[in-house]
C-alpha atoms as a PDB file:
ATOM      1  CA  UNK A   1     -20.455 -22.048  -2.430  1.00  0.00           C
ATOM      2  CA  UNK A   2     -16.890 -23.335  -2.812  1.00  0.00           C
ATOM      3  CA  UNK A   3     -17.340 -23.527  -6.574  1.00  0.00           C
ATOM      4  CA  UNK A   4     -18.393 -19.863  -6.561  1.00  0.00           C
ATOM      5  CA  UNK A   5     -15.491 -18.884  -4.309  1.00  0.00           C
ATOM      6  CA  UNK A   6     -12.869 -20.633  -6.445  1.00  0.00           C
ATOM      7  CA  UNK A   7     -14.270 -19.666  -9.837  1.00  0.00           C
ATOM      8  CA  UNK A   8     -11.577 -17.963 -11.907  1.00  0.00           C
ATOM      9  CA  UNK A   9     -13.732 -14.867 -12.411  1.00  0.00           C
ATOM     10  CA  UNK A  10     -14.021 -14.399  -8.654  1.00  0.00           C
ATOM     11  CA  UNK A  11     -10.344 -14.366  -7.741  1.00  0.00           C
ATOM     12  CA  UNK A  12     -10.316 -10.697  -6.546  1.00  0.00           C
ATOM     13  CA  UNK A  13     -12.996 -11.474  -3.983  1.00  0.00           C
ATOM     14  CA  UNK A  14     -11.435 -14.751  -2.879  1.00  0.00           C
ATOM     15  CA  UNK A  15      -8.110 -12.965  -2.392  1.00  0.00           C
ATOM     16  CA  UNK A  16      -9.777 -10.196  -0.372  1.00  0.00           C
ATOM     17  CA  UNK A  17     -11.398 -12.706   1.980  1.00  0.00           C
ATOM     18  CA  UNK A  18      -8.154 -14.673   2.290  1.00  0.00           C
ATOM     19  CA  UNK A  19      -6.231 -11.510   3.184  1.00  0.00           C
ATOM     20  CA  UNK A  20      -8.888 -10.615   5.752  1.00  0.00           C
ATOM     21  CA  UNK A  21      -8.515 -14.049   7.398  1.00  0.00           C
ATOM     22  CA  UNK A  22      -4.734 -13.738   7.245  1.00  0.00           C
ATOM     23  CA  UNK A  23      -4.881 -10.383   9.022  1.00  0.00           C
ATOM     24  CA  UNK A  24      -7.028 -11.914  11.768  1.00  0.00           C
ATOM     25  CA  UNK A  25      -4.543 -14.770  12.255  1.00  0.00           C
ATOM     26  CA  UNK A  26      -1.528 -12.424  12.257  1.00  0.00           C
ATOM     27  CA  UNK A  27      -3.222 -10.125  14.771  1.00  0.00           C
ATOM     28  CA  UNK A  28      -3.805 -13.075  17.086  1.00  0.00           C
ATOM     29  CA  UNK A  29      -0.266 -14.424  16.721  1.00  0.00           C
ATOM     30  CA  UNK A  30       1.451 -11.059  17.137  1.00  0.00           C
ATOM     31  CA  UNK A  31      -0.715 -10.286  20.173  1.00  0.00           C
ATOM     32  CA  UNK A  32       0.451 -13.520  21.793  1.00  0.00           C
ATOM     33  CA  UNK A  33       4.048 -12.549  21.009  1.00  0.00           C
ATOM     34  CA  UNK A  34       3.556  -9.217  22.757  1.00  0.00           C
ATOM     35  CA  UNK A  35       3.154  -6.731  19.915  1.00  0.00           C
ATOM     36  CA  UNK A  36      -0.194  -6.562  18.149  1.00  0.00           C
ATOM     37  CA  UNK A  37      -0.165  -6.150  14.369  1.00  0.00           C
ATOM     38  CA  UNK A  38      -2.607  -3.242  14.687  1.00  0.00           C
ATOM     39  CA  UNK A  39      -0.091  -1.282  16.762  1.00  0.00           C
ATOM     40  CA  UNK A  40       2.759  -1.920  14.322  1.00  0.00           C
ATOM     41  CA  UNK A  41       0.522  -0.887  11.439  1.00  0.00           C
ATOM     42  CA  UNK A  42      -0.478   2.362  13.122  1.00  0.00           C
ATOM     43  CA  UNK A  43       3.150   3.066  14.004  1.00  0.00           C
ATOM     44  CA  UNK A  44       4.263   2.521  10.404  1.00  0.00           C
ATOM     45  CA  UNK A  45       1.803   5.042   8.976  1.00  0.00           C
ATOM     46  CA  UNK A  46       2.740   8.677   8.349  1.00  0.00           C
ATOM     47  CA  UNK A  47       1.631  11.133  11.012  1.00  0.00           C
ATOM     48  CA  UNK A  48      -1.058  13.013   9.097  1.00  0.00           C
ATOM     49  CA  UNK A  49      -1.322  15.526  11.930  1.00  0.00           C
ATOM     50  CA  UNK A  50       2.395  16.243  11.987  1.00  0.00           C
ATOM     51  CA  UNK A  51       3.403  19.905  12.239  1.00  0.00           C
ATOM     52  CA  UNK A  52       5.933  19.248   9.465  1.00  0.00           C
ATOM     53  CA  UNK A  53       4.398  20.950   6.392  1.00  0.00           C
ATOM     54  CA  UNK A  54       5.801  18.229   4.135  1.00  0.00           C
ATOM     55  CA  UNK A  55       4.003  15.504   6.099  1.00  0.00           C
ATOM     56  CA  UNK A  56       0.830  17.257   7.166  1.00  0.00           C
ATOM     57  CA  UNK A  57      -2.318  17.225   5.061  1.00  0.00           C
ATOM     58  CA  UNK A  58      -4.299  20.451   4.973  1.00  0.00           C
ATOM     59  CA  UNK A  59      -7.932  20.014   5.951  1.00  0.00           C
ATOM     60  CA  UNK A  60      -8.966  21.400   2.590  1.00  0.00           C
ATOM     61  CA  UNK A  61      -6.781  18.983   0.653  1.00  0.00           C
ATOM     62  CA  UNK A  62      -8.740  16.578  -1.552  1.00  0.00           C
ATOM     63  CA  UNK A  63      -6.952  13.527  -0.157  1.00  0.00           C
ATOM     64  CA  UNK A  64      -7.580  14.652   3.406  1.00  0.00           C
ATOM     65  CA  UNK A  65     -11.275  15.162   2.673  1.00  0.00           C
ATOM     66  CA  UNK A  66     -11.506  11.735   1.041  1.00  0.00           C
ATOM     67  CA  UNK A  67      -9.712  10.180   4.034  1.00  0.00           C
ATOM     68  CA  UNK A  68     -12.270  11.781   6.335  1.00  0.00           C
ATOM     69  CA  UNK A  69     -15.208  10.728   4.130  1.00  0.00           C
ATOM     70  CA  UNK A  70     -14.095   7.099   4.421  1.00  0.00           C
ATOM     71  CA  UNK A  71     -14.105   7.444   8.242  1.00  0.00           C
ATOM     72  CA  UNK A  72     -10.482   6.306   8.348  1.00  0.00           C
ATOM     73  CA  UNK A  73      -9.823   8.738  11.201  1.00  0.00           C
ATOM     74  CA  UNK A  74     -12.663   7.459  13.358  1.00  0.00           C
ATOM     75  CA  UNK A  75     -11.766   3.788  13.859  1.00  0.00           C
ATOM     76  CA  UNK A  76      -8.460   1.891  14.141  1.00  0.00           C
ATOM     77  CA  UNK A  77      -7.007   1.305  10.682  1.00  0.00           C
ATOM     78  CA  UNK A  78      -6.859  -2.475  11.046  1.00  0.00           C
ATOM     79  CA  UNK A  79     -10.564  -2.649  11.881  1.00  0.00           C
ATOM     80  CA  UNK A  80     -11.396  -0.434   8.898  1.00  0.00           C
ATOM     81  CA  UNK A  81      -9.284  -2.644   6.628  1.00  0.00           C
ATOM     82  CA  UNK A  82     -10.955  -5.849   7.844  1.00  0.00           C
ATOM     83  CA  UNK A  83     -14.399  -4.320   7.262  1.00  0.00           C
ATOM     84  CA  UNK A  84     -13.388  -3.148   3.776  1.00  0.00           C
ATOM     85  CA  UNK A  85     -11.976  -6.535   2.728  1.00  0.00           C
ATOM     86  CA  UNK A  86     -14.980  -8.410   4.130  1.00  0.00           C
ATOM     87  CA  UNK A  87     -17.517  -6.147   2.432  1.00  0.00           C
ATOM     88  CA  UNK A  88     -15.582  -6.199  -0.853  1.00  0.00           C
ATOM     89  CA  UNK A  89     -15.281  -9.986  -0.854  1.00  0.00           C
ATOM     90  CA  UNK A  90     -18.873 -10.749   0.099  1.00  0.00           C
ATOM     91  CA  UNK A  91     -20.435  -8.126  -2.174  1.00  0.00           C
ATOM     92  CA  UNK A  92     -18.325  -9.405  -5.055  1.00  0.00           C
ATOM     93  CA  UNK A  93     -19.411 -12.994  -4.574  1.00  0.00           C
ATOM     94  CA  UNK A  94     -23.042 -11.901  -4.228  1.00  0.00           C
ATOM     95  CA  UNK A  95     -22.879  -9.843  -7.433  1.00  0.00           C
ATOM     96  CA  UNK A  96     -21.216 -12.618  -9.413  1.00  0.00           C
ATOM     97  CA  UNK A  97     -23.703 -15.147  -8.064  1.00  0.00           C
ATOM     98  CA  UNK A  98     -26.631 -12.978  -9.181  1.00  0.00           C
ATOM     99  CA  UNK A  99     -25.116 -12.366 -12.623  1.00  0.00           C
ATOM    100  CA  UNK A 100     -24.409 -16.061 -13.098  1.00  0.00           C
ATOM    101  CA  UNK A 101     -27.883 -17.030 -11.931  1.00  0.00           C
ATOM    102  CA  UNK A 102     -29.593 -14.570 -14.295  1.00  0.00           C
ATOM    103  CA  UNK A 103     -27.329 -14.718 -17.356  1.00  0.00           C
ATOM    104  CA  UNK A 104     -25.378 -17.940 -16.984  1.00  0.00           C
ATOM    105  CA  UNK A 105     -21.929 -16.292 -16.986  1.00  0.00           C
ATOM    106  CA  UNK A 106     -19.668 -14.243 -14.722  1.00  0.00           C
ATOM    107  CA  UNK A 107     -18.481 -10.706 -15.242  1.00  0.00           C
ATOM    108  CA  UNK A 108     -14.756 -10.434 -16.064  1.00  0.00           C
ATOM    109  CA  UNK A 109     -12.875 -10.253 -12.748  1.00  0.00           C
ATOM    110  CA  UNK A 110     -11.480  -6.726 -13.188  1.00  0.00           C
ATOM    111  CA  UNK A 111     -14.825  -5.321 -14.335  1.00  0.00           C
ATOM    112  CA  UNK A 112     -16.576  -6.969 -11.404  1.00  0.00           C
ATOM    113  CA  UNK A 113     -13.891  -5.751  -8.982  1.00  0.00           C
ATOM    114  CA  UNK A 114     -14.237  -2.147 -10.147  1.00  0.00           C
ATOM    115  CA  UNK A 115     -18.039  -2.240  -9.876  1.00  0.00           C
ATOM    116  CA  UNK A 116     -17.888  -3.794  -6.422  1.00  0.00           C
ATOM    117  CA  UNK A 117     -15.226  -1.314  -5.269  1.00  0.00           C
ATOM    118  CA  UNK A 118     -17.609   1.549  -6.036  1.00  0.00           C
ATOM    119  CA  UNK A 119     -20.229  -0.163  -3.873  1.00  0.00           C
ATOM    120  CA  UNK A 120     -17.793  -1.167  -1.153  1.00  0.00           C
ATOM    121  CA  UNK A 121     -16.505   2.314  -0.314  1.00  0.00           C
ATOM    122  CA  UNK A 122     -19.861   3.816   0.803  1.00  0.00           C
ATOM    123  CA  UNK A 123     -20.838   0.592   2.600  1.00  0.00           C
ATOM    124  CA  UNK A 124     -17.511   0.544   4.461  1.00  0.00           C
ATOM    125  CA  UNK A 125     -17.946   4.229   5.304  1.00  0.00           C
ATOM    126  CA  UNK A 126     -21.374   3.508   6.765  1.00  0.00           C
ATOM    127  CA  UNK A 127     -20.072   0.516   8.727  1.00  0.00           C
ATOM    128  CA  UNK A 128     -17.092   2.488  10.081  1.00  0.00           C
ATOM    129  CA  UNK A 129     -19.396   5.302  11.204  1.00  0.00           C
ATOM    130  CA  UNK A 130     -21.539   2.755  13.055  1.00  0.00           C
ATOM    131  CA  UNK A 131     -18.489   1.172  14.698  1.00  0.00           C
ATOM    132  CA  UNK A 132     -17.198   4.580  15.776  1.00  0.00           C
ATOM    133  CA  UNK A 133     -20.489   5.232  17.587  1.00  0.00           C
ATOM    134  CA  UNK A 134     -20.580   1.926  19.477  1.00  0.00           C
ATOM    135  CA  UNK A 135     -16.887   1.412  20.193  1.00  0.00           C
ATOM    136  CA  UNK A 136     -15.502   2.521  23.550  1.00  0.00           C
ATOM    137  CA  UNK A 137     -13.353   5.614  23.383  1.00  0.00           C
ATOM    138  CA  UNK A 138     -10.254   3.801  22.158  1.00  0.00           C
ATOM    139  CA  UNK A 139      -8.522   5.379  19.148  1.00  0.00           C
ATOM    140  CA  UNK A 140     -11.727   6.965  17.831  1.00  0.00           C
ATOM    141  CA  UNK A 141     -10.570  10.562  18.187  1.00  0.00           C
ATOM    142  CA  UNK A 142      -7.747  11.956  16.103  1.00  0.00           C
ATOM    143  CA  UNK A 143      -5.204  14.009  18.009  1.00  0.00           C
ATOM    144  CA  UNK A 144      -1.742  15.092  17.014  1.00  0.00           C
ATOM    145  CA  UNK A 145       1.071  12.780  18.074  1.00  0.00           C
ATOM    146  CA  UNK A 146       2.594  15.777  19.840  1.00  0.00           C
ATOM    147  CA  UNK A 147      -0.545  16.180  21.966  1.00  0.00           C
ATOM    148  CA  UNK A 148       0.225  12.938  23.823  1.00  0.00           C
ATOM    149  CA  UNK A 149       3.712  14.036  24.873  1.00  0.00           C
ATOM    150  CA  UNK A 150       3.791  14.720  28.596  1.00  0.00           C
ATOM    151  CA  UNK A 151       1.017  12.217  29.315  1.00  0.00           C
ATOM    152  CA  UNK A 152       1.294   8.951  31.235  1.00  0.00           C
ATOM    153  CA  UNK A 153       0.908   5.665  29.370  1.00  0.00           C
ATOM    154  CA  UNK A 154       0.736   2.087  30.618  1.00  0.00           C
ATOM    155  CA  UNK A 155       2.521  -0.782  28.875  1.00  0.00           C
ATOM    156  CA  UNK A 156      -0.187  -3.215  27.757  1.00  0.00           C
ATOM    157  CA  UNK A 157       1.619  -5.701  25.518  1.00  0.00           C
ATOM    158  CA  UNK A 158       5.217  -6.833  25.477  1.00  0.00           C
ATOM    159  CA  UNK A 159       8.382  -5.551  27.120  1.00  0.00           C
ATOM    160  CA  UNK A 160       9.826  -2.266  25.889  1.00  0.00           C
ATOM    161  CA  UNK A 161      13.566  -1.843  25.372  1.00  0.00           C
ATOM    162  CA  UNK A 162      15.502   0.492  23.114  1.00  0.00           C
ATOM    163  CA  UNK A 163      15.043  -0.798  19.587  1.00  0.00           C
ATOM    164  CA  UNK A 164      12.222  -3.070  20.736  1.00  0.00           C
ATOM    165  CA  UNK A 165       9.069  -1.015  21.350  1.00  0.00           C
ATOM    166  CA  UNK A 166       5.981  -2.335  23.109  1.00  0.00           C
ATOM    167  CA  UNK A 167       2.336  -1.315  22.987  1.00  0.00           C
ATOM    168  CA  UNK A 168       1.070   1.146  25.584  1.00  0.00           C
ATOM    169  CA  UNK A 169      -2.269   2.769  26.363  1.00  0.00           C
ATOM    170  CA  UNK A 170      -2.453   6.532  26.820  1.00  0.00           C
ATOM    171  CA  UNK A 171      -5.471   8.695  27.651  1.00  0.00           C
ATOM    172  CA  UNK A 172      -5.713  12.022  25.829  1.00  0.00           C
ATOM    173  CA  UNK A 173      -7.169  15.312  26.997  1.00  0.00           C
ATOM    174  CA  UNK A 174     -10.627  14.190  25.828  1.00  0.00           C
ATOM    175  CA  UNK A 175     -10.565  11.102  28.037  1.00  0.00           C
ATOM    176  CA  UNK A 176     -10.175   8.730  25.092  1.00  0.00           C
ATOM    177  CA  UNK A 177      -7.609   5.947  24.972  1.00  0.00           C
ATOM    178  CA  UNK A 178      -4.929   5.603  22.304  1.00  0.00           C
ATOM    179  CA  UNK A 179      -2.663   2.613  21.787  1.00  0.00           C
ATOM    180  CA  UNK A 180       0.855   3.668  20.837  1.00  0.00           C
ATOM    181  CA  UNK A 181       4.259   2.079  20.417  1.00  0.00           C
ATOM    182  CA  UNK A 182       6.738   3.034  23.137  1.00  0.00           C
ATOM    183  CA  UNK A 183      10.437   2.469  23.767  1.00  0.00           C
ATOM    184  CA  UNK A 184      12.598   3.724  26.657  1.00  0.00           C
ATOM    185  CA  UNK A 185      14.464   6.993  26.211  1.00  0.00           C
ATOM    186  CA  UNK A 186      17.397   5.533  28.150  1.00  0.00           C
ATOM    187  CA  UNK A 187      19.394   2.608  26.803  1.00  0.00           C
ATOM    188  CA  UNK A 188      19.463   0.790  30.159  1.00  0.00           C
ATOM    189  CA  UNK A 189      15.735   1.060  30.883  1.00  0.00           C
ATOM    190  CA  UNK A 190      13.274  -1.799  30.427  1.00  0.00           C
ATOM    191  CA  UNK A 191       9.497  -1.398  30.761  1.00  0.00           C
ATOM    192  CA  UNK A 192       7.461  -4.506  31.491  1.00  0.00           C
ATOM    193  CA  UNK A 193       3.725  -4.973  31.092  1.00  0.00           C
ATOM    194  CA  UNK A 194       1.749  -2.754  33.472  1.00  0.00           C
ATOM    195  CA  UNK A 195       4.555  -0.211  33.938  1.00  0.00           C
ATOM    196  CA  UNK A 196       3.506   3.450  34.003  1.00  0.00           C
ATOM    197  CA  UNK A 197       5.698   5.596  31.752  1.00  0.00           C
ATOM    198  CA  UNK A 198       5.811   9.269  30.805  1.00  0.00           C
ATOM    199  CA  UNK A 199       5.854  10.046  27.085  1.00  0.00           C
ATOM    200  CA  UNK A 200       8.642  12.573  26.505  1.00  0.00           C
ATOM    201  CA  UNK A 201       9.131  12.681  22.725  1.00  0.00           C
ATOM    202  CA  UNK A 202       8.127  11.004  19.497  1.00  0.00           C
ATOM    203  CA  UNK A 203       9.592  10.257  16.095  1.00  0.00           C
ATOM    204  CA  UNK A 204       6.741   9.689  13.683  1.00  0.00           C
ATOM    205  CA  UNK A 205       4.415   7.373  15.585  1.00  0.00           C
ATOM    206  CA  UNK A 206       7.086   5.875  17.875  1.00  0.00           C
ATOM    207  CA  UNK A 207       7.247   7.413  21.361  1.00  0.00           C
ATOM    208  CA  UNK A 208      10.163   7.590  23.751  1.00  0.00           C
ATOM    209  CA  UNK A 209       9.325   7.427  27.435  1.00  0.00           C
ATOM    210  CA  UNK A 210      10.798   7.478  30.909  1.00  0.00           C
ATOM    211  CA  UNK A 211       9.571   5.737  34.024  1.00  0.00           C
ATOM    212  CA  UNK A 212       6.660   7.632  35.597  1.00  0.00           C
ATOM    213  CA  UNK A 213       7.870   7.383  39.198  1.00  0.00           C
ATOM    214  CA  UNK A 214       6.306  10.655  40.390  1.00  0.00           C
ATOM    215  CA  UNK A 215       3.115   9.751  42.299  1.00  0.00           C
ATOM    216  CA  UNK A 216       1.498  13.043  41.289  1.00  0.00           C
ATOM    217  CA  UNK A 217       1.580  11.935  37.632  1.00  0.00           C
ATOM    218  CA  UNK A 218      -0.395   8.800  38.427  1.00  0.00           C
ATOM    219  CA  UNK A 219      -3.386  10.516  39.980  1.00  0.00           C
END
């Protein structure tokens, strides 16, 4: 198995599996440090549902349709990426193993990678659709970033200060949870884990919030 994994012709698949393991390690480490990699990744992405016409993707746009076909909007991006890398790596090794067993040689790495990519996309789509059905209602429904403004969120990881956002959980109008990055709107405010905050504005995927000290908001 190790000989197959480290064969020169299989480097695209070995790299994919190594990246997948690296993502898992980074997610664990960053979670312990108070800011999960998945949250930073989501925050760094463009807001596809932005009202800004230069940022928004029309539903009829080819890229938007392809994005939807891949189920990228139905599961957290980091989970989709891990599934994609795992499927790509394992399918590639399986294909090369079969070719080598039947013919005695490996496909060239780029040829094999292209063939496996064409197989990986529909398999990943199917796997993401299955995950979306069985996952709890966290981050599986796409809503505009603006739709969460005015809602209460709870700090779940880290301590939020200006310039140092922390992860928070917010429930949308459909009753589904979304994990967002939050920083205080005021320079002197600090939000610790468990604090209830009110989302008042957003820049891209980063939200500004104030302390939710009105008991009526917490009902």
